[in-house]
Protein backbone atom coordinates (compact mmCIF):
# COMPACT_ATOMS: atom_id res chain seq x y z
CA MET A 1 -41.32 -22.29 220.48
CA ARG A 2 -44.18 -24.66 219.71
CA LYS A 3 -44.64 -27.82 221.80
CA GLN A 4 -44.04 -30.15 218.76
CA TYR A 5 -40.48 -28.79 218.47
CA SER A 6 -37.67 -30.12 220.67
CA SER A 7 -34.60 -28.10 221.55
CA ARG A 8 -32.69 -31.28 220.85
CA ASP A 9 -33.78 -31.01 217.12
CA LEU A 10 -32.32 -27.56 216.76
CA HIS A 11 -28.80 -28.66 217.69
CA SER A 12 -28.58 -31.25 214.87
CA GLY A 13 -28.44 -28.64 212.04
CA VAL A 14 -25.31 -27.68 210.14
CA ARG A 15 -24.65 -24.08 209.35
CA GLY A 16 -24.04 -23.29 205.76
CA LYS A 17 -24.68 -26.87 204.62
CA HIS A 18 -26.06 -25.96 201.22
CA TYR A 19 -24.19 -22.63 200.78
CA ALA A 20 -21.72 -23.89 198.22
CA SER A 21 -24.28 -25.43 196.00
CA TYR A 22 -26.48 -22.45 196.22
CA THR A 23 -23.79 -19.96 195.12
CA ARG A 24 -22.68 -22.24 192.23
CA GLY A 25 -26.14 -22.43 190.71
CA THR A 26 -27.35 -18.88 191.31
CA ASN A 27 -26.63 -15.57 189.71
CA LEU A 28 -29.16 -13.16 190.97
CA VAL A 29 -28.91 -9.48 190.40
CA LEU A 30 -31.24 -6.95 191.88
CA LEU A 31 -32.46 -4.34 189.63
CA GLN A 32 -33.34 -0.74 190.69
CA PRO A 33 -37.10 -0.04 190.16
CA ASP A 34 -36.60 2.18 187.20
CA ILE A 35 -34.50 -0.42 185.43
CA ALA A 36 -36.87 -3.10 186.27
CA ALA A 37 -39.74 -1.06 184.81
CA ALA A 38 -37.86 -0.68 181.60
CA PHE A 39 -36.94 -4.30 181.35
CA PRO A 40 -39.80 -6.28 183.01
CA THR A 41 -38.79 -9.78 182.06
CA GLU A 42 -35.67 -11.97 182.22
CA ARG A 43 -35.58 -12.10 178.46
CA ALA A 44 -35.73 -8.29 178.08
CA VAL A 45 -32.76 -7.93 180.45
CA ASN A 46 -30.72 -10.57 178.65
CA ASP A 47 -31.50 -9.26 175.18
CA ALA A 48 -30.52 -5.72 176.36
CA LEU A 49 -27.17 -6.99 177.88
CA ARG A 50 -26.39 -9.08 174.72
CA GLY A 51 -26.88 -5.99 172.60
CA LEU A 52 -24.68 -3.84 174.80
CA LEU A 53 -22.04 -6.59 174.79
CA GLU A 54 -22.14 -6.67 170.87
CA VAL A 55 -21.76 -2.94 170.74
CA ALA A 56 -18.87 -2.97 173.22
CA ARG A 57 -17.06 -5.68 171.27
CA THR A 58 -17.62 -3.94 167.94
CA ALA A 59 -16.36 -0.63 169.35
CA ALA A 60 -13.30 -2.32 170.89
CA GLY A 61 -12.50 -4.05 167.55
CA GLN A 62 -12.72 -0.76 165.71
CA ALA A 63 -10.59 1.21 168.32
CA ALA A 64 -7.95 -1.58 168.09
CA SER A 65 -7.49 -1.64 164.36
CA PRO A 66 -5.59 1.59 163.89
CA ARG A 67 -3.10 0.69 166.52
CA SER A 68 -2.46 -2.80 165.02
CA THR A 69 -1.41 -1.20 161.73
CA GLY A 70 0.95 1.41 163.08
CA ARG A 71 0.89 5.27 163.15
CA GLY A 72 -1.96 6.87 161.30
CA GLY A 73 -3.44 3.67 160.07
CA ARG A 74 -0.60 2.96 157.66
CA LYS A 75 1.11 -0.28 157.75
CA THR A 76 4.74 -0.17 158.93
CA GLY A 77 7.59 -2.14 157.60
């Protein structure tokens, strides 16, 4: 330890003091190298995920419509 630091200074710290605020304001995801190469910017990642989300929502809506009308797509009752 350097001379300018005192062991008394080290005992005044609080462990995890900023942990809660850090976790609230952070949403970091580590990408594998091959994915990072394909999507090199934050915008590229967000655009790709938004597109995937839209496809998933559309597919879920199409898959749910025959069930909502009854058997074979015909309205019952």
